[in-house]
Each structure stands twice: as C-alpha cells, then as structure tokens.
C-alpha cells in the first residue's frame, strides 16, 4: 500500500487591484499549511490543513507603492484567551495545592 504524500503549502495571495476610491489598494495575505494526497489507488483521496492570515495592504500612489503592514487580530485574540486560560488554570492548581496541604494535617 502506498503512503500518502504530504506537501507543504506556503503561498502569498494578492487580491486584484481595487479602484473604488483614490488611491487604489491591494490586500496581501499568506496561506500556510499542509496538503495530503494519495493518487495511485482507484479511490484517491485528498485533504488540506490551511491557515490564511492577512499580511499587508498595498496602497498605490501615482509615483510609488506604499506597503502598510497589518496584524492578524484573530490570532492575537486567541493568544490572549490562551494566556487567560493558562493563568486561571495555574491559580486553580495553586488553590487546590494550598487547600490540600491545609486539610490533610487535620484529618490525621
């Protein structure tokens, strides 16, 4: 049986030039992840794990192109929630440890 083939995905995506206002703008994003494919069998299958994150906005002036970097607000929010969850978990472990040490001597 042939093993599935993993392929790394790392692409820069650029939106078509938007000319609704002045000056025209273009959004740039990066797609990263992994793709799996197995094609040597009659029942070929494929799948992918992809993360698309905004990178910058390109503003085109008459004489130059300006790159305005942008952050990923979703990623920052998830990192903040993870930090808060770890902090709450550590405080709960600390309270449990203190309570166990205080109650254990009384039971003897």
C-alpha atoms as a PDB file:
ATOM      1  CA  UNK A   1       0.000   0.000   0.000  1.00  0.00           C
ATOM      2  CA  UNK A   2       1.364   3.373  -0.974  1.00  0.00           C
ATOM      3  CA  UNK A   3       1.785   6.016   1.719  1.00  0.00           C
ATOM      4  CA  UNK A   4       0.017   9.372   1.317  1.00  0.00           C
ATOM      5  CA  UNK A   5       2.222  12.222   0.167  1.00  0.00           C
ATOM      6  CA  UNK A   6       2.383  15.360   2.336  1.00  0.00           C
ATOM      7  CA  UNK A   7       3.045  18.664   0.589  1.00  0.00           C
ATOM      8  CA  UNK A   8       3.850  21.927   2.386  1.00  0.00           C
ATOM      9  CA  UNK A   9       1.722  24.943   1.428  1.00  0.00           C
ATOM     10  CA  UNK A  10       3.289  28.408   1.602  1.00  0.00           C
ATOM     11  CA  UNK A  11       1.784  30.895  -0.837  1.00  0.00           C
ATOM     12  CA  UNK A  12       1.412  34.651  -0.975  1.00  0.00           C
ATOM     13  CA  UNK A  13      -2.083  35.670  -2.083  1.00  0.00           C
ATOM     14  CA  UNK A  14      -2.785  39.049  -3.664  1.00  0.00           C
ATOM     15  CA  UNK A  15      -6.227  40.499  -4.291  1.00  0.00           C
ATOM     16  CA  UNK A  16      -6.976  42.130  -7.603  1.00  0.00           C
ATOM     17  CA  UNK A  17      -6.417  45.876  -7.599  1.00  0.00           C
ATOM     18  CA  UNK A  18      -9.401  47.705  -6.062  1.00  0.00           C
ATOM     19  CA  UNK A  19     -10.027  51.127  -7.598  1.00  0.00           C
ATOM     20  CA  UNK A  20     -13.192  52.160  -5.721  1.00  0.00           C
ATOM     21  CA  UNK A  21     -11.572  55.150  -4.109  1.00  0.00           C
ATOM     22  CA  UNK A  22      -8.429  57.115  -4.526  1.00  0.00           C
ATOM     23  CA  UNK A  23      -5.753  55.777  -4.215  1.00  0.00           C
ATOM     24  CA  UNK A  24      -6.173  52.157  -5.419  1.00  0.00           C
ATOM     25  CA  UNK A  25      -5.416  49.425  -2.866  1.00  0.00           C
ATOM     26  CA  UNK A  26      -4.492  45.743  -2.917  1.00  0.00           C
ATOM     27  CA  UNK A  27      -4.735  43.272   0.014  1.00  0.00           C
ATOM     28  CA  UNK A  28      -1.928  40.729   0.553  1.00  0.00           C
ATOM     29  CA  UNK A  29      -2.318  37.526   2.621  1.00  0.00           C
ATOM     30  CA  UNK A  30      -0.235  34.405   3.263  1.00  0.00           C
ATOM     31  CA  UNK A  31      -1.610  30.864   3.079  1.00  0.00           C
ATOM     32  CA  UNK A  32       0.346  28.227   5.009  1.00  0.00           C
ATOM     33  CA  UNK A  33      -0.350  24.618   5.880  1.00  0.00           C
ATOM     34  CA  UNK A  34      -0.134  21.021   4.664  1.00  0.00           C
ATOM     35  CA  UNK A  35      -1.846  19.094   1.874  1.00  0.00           C
ATOM     36  CA  UNK A  36      -2.183  15.300   1.781  1.00  0.00           C
ATOM     37  CA  UNK A  37      -2.856  13.338  -1.390  1.00  0.00           C
ATOM     38  CA  UNK A  38      -2.839   9.709  -2.458  1.00  0.00           C
ATOM     39  CA  UNK A  39      -3.324   9.212  -6.146  1.00  0.00           C
ATOM     40  CA  UNK A  40      -2.017   5.734  -7.014  1.00  0.00           C
ATOM     41  CA  UNK A  41      -5.178   3.925  -5.859  1.00  0.00           C
ATOM     42  CA  UNK A  42      -8.584   3.857  -7.566  1.00  0.00           C
ATOM     43  CA  UNK A  43     -10.164   5.583  -4.536  1.00  0.00           C
ATOM     44  CA  UNK A  44      -7.896   8.620  -4.448  1.00  0.00           C
ATOM     45  CA  UNK A  45      -8.347  10.988  -1.545  1.00  0.00           C
ATOM     46  CA  UNK A  46      -7.020  14.387  -0.626  1.00  0.00           C
ATOM     47  CA  UNK A  47      -7.247  16.891   2.190  1.00  0.00           C
ATOM     48  CA  UNK A  48      -5.578  20.025   3.496  1.00  0.00           C
ATOM     49  CA  UNK A  49      -4.967  21.999   6.675  1.00  0.00           C
ATOM     50  CA  UNK A  50      -4.651  25.640   5.657  1.00  0.00           C
ATOM     51  CA  UNK A  51      -4.251  28.893   7.607  1.00  0.00           C
ATOM     52  CA  UNK A  52      -4.795  32.178   5.761  1.00  0.00           C
ATOM     53  CA  UNK A  53      -3.516  35.287   7.565  1.00  0.00           C
ATOM     54  CA  UNK A  54      -3.547  38.930   6.408  1.00  0.00           C
ATOM     55  CA  UNK A  55      -0.103  40.393   5.778  1.00  0.00           C
ATOM     56  CA  UNK A  56      -0.316  43.910   4.361  1.00  0.00           C
ATOM     57  CA  UNK A  57      -2.237  46.421   2.289  1.00  0.00           C
ATOM     58  CA  UNK A  58      -0.528  47.868  -0.756  1.00  0.00           C
ATOM     59  CA  UNK A  59      -1.531  51.466  -1.483  1.00  0.00           C
ATOM     60  CA  UNK A  60      -0.577  52.589  -4.981  1.00  0.00           C
ATOM     61  CA  UNK A  61       0.165  56.258  -5.349  1.00  0.00           C
ATOM     62  CA  UNK A  62       0.993  57.891  -8.661  1.00  0.00           C
ATOM     63  CA  UNK A  63       4.759  57.767  -8.161  1.00  0.00           C
ATOM     64  CA  UNK A  64       5.265  54.965  -5.602  1.00  0.00           C
ATOM     65  CA  UNK A  65       3.740  51.957  -3.857  1.00  0.00           C
ATOM     66  CA  UNK A  66       3.288  52.083  -0.075  1.00  0.00           C
ATOM     67  CA  UNK A  67       3.127  48.873   1.989  1.00  0.00           C
ATOM     68  CA  UNK A  68       1.032  49.130   5.186  1.00  0.00           C
ATOM     69  CA  UNK A  69       1.598  46.042   7.381  1.00  0.00           C
ATOM     70  CA  UNK A  70      -1.434  44.714   9.245  1.00  0.00           C
ATOM     71  CA  UNK A  71      -1.600  42.254  12.115  1.00  0.00           C
ATOM     72  CA  UNK A  72      -3.887  39.293  12.484  1.00  0.00           C
ATOM     73  CA  UNK A  73      -6.480  40.320  15.120  1.00  0.00           C
ATOM     74  CA  UNK A  74      -7.934  36.799  15.347  1.00  0.00           C
ATOM     75  CA  UNK A  75      -4.541  35.311  16.199  1.00  0.00           C
ATOM     76  CA  UNK A  76      -3.883  37.970  18.846  1.00  0.00           C
ATOM     77  CA  UNK A  77      -7.325  37.358  20.413  1.00  0.00           C
ATOM     78  CA  UNK A  78      -6.724  33.591  20.515  1.00  0.00           C
ATOM     79  CA  UNK A  79      -3.298  34.069  22.104  1.00  0.00           C
ATOM     80  CA  UNK A  80      -4.894  36.353  24.724  1.00  0.00           C
ATOM     81  CA  UNK A  81      -7.594  33.777  25.505  1.00  0.00           C
ATOM     82  CA  UNK A  82      -4.971  31.035  25.777  1.00  0.00           C
ATOM     83  CA  UNK A  83      -2.938  33.159  28.193  1.00  0.00           C
ATOM     84  CA  UNK A  84      -6.000  33.872  30.336  1.00  0.00           C
ATOM     85  CA  UNK A  85      -6.932  30.166  30.409  1.00  0.00           C
ATOM     86  CA  UNK A  86      -3.405  29.175  31.460  1.00  0.00           C
ATOM     87  CA  UNK A  87      -3.428  31.819  34.199  1.00  0.00           C
ATOM     88  CA  UNK A  88      -6.790  30.605  35.568  1.00  0.00           C
ATOM     89  CA  UNK A  89      -5.548  27.008  35.436  1.00  0.00           C
ATOM     90  CA  UNK A  90      -2.377  27.884  37.360  1.00  0.00           C
ATOM     91  CA  UNK A  91      -4.353  29.772  40.027  1.00  0.00           C
ATOM     92  CA  UNK A  92      -6.747  26.812  40.416  1.00  0.00           C
ATOM     93  CA  UNK A  93      -3.825  24.389  40.819  1.00  0.00           C
ATOM     94  CA  UNK A  94      -2.285  26.699  43.404  1.00  0.00           C
ATOM     95  CA  UNK A  95      -5.525  26.983  45.392  1.00  0.00           C
ATOM     96  CA  UNK A  96      -6.034  23.205  45.225  1.00  0.00           C
ATOM     97  CA  UNK A  97      -2.481  22.577  46.445  1.00  0.00           C
ATOM     98  CA  UNK A  98      -2.821  25.003  49.349  1.00  0.00           C
ATOM     99  CA  UNK A  99      -6.219  23.637  50.343  1.00  0.00           C
ATOM    100  CA  UNK A 100      -4.931  20.055  50.227  1.00  0.00           C
ATOM    101  CA  UNK A 101      -1.975  20.907  52.457  1.00  0.00           C
ATOM    102  CA  UNK A 102      -4.194  22.714  54.956  1.00  0.00           C
ATOM    103  CA  UNK A 103      -6.856  19.996  55.124  1.00  0.00           C
ATOM    104  CA  UNK A 104      -4.526  16.944  55.126  1.00  0.00           C
ATOM    105  CA  UNK A 105      -2.938  17.625  58.582  1.00  0.00           C
ATOM    106  CA  UNK A 106      -6.391  17.995  60.196  1.00  0.00           C
ATOM    107  CA  UNK A 107      -7.541  14.523  59.067  1.00  0.00           C
ATOM    108  CA  UNK A 108      -4.700  12.712  60.886  1.00  0.00           C
END
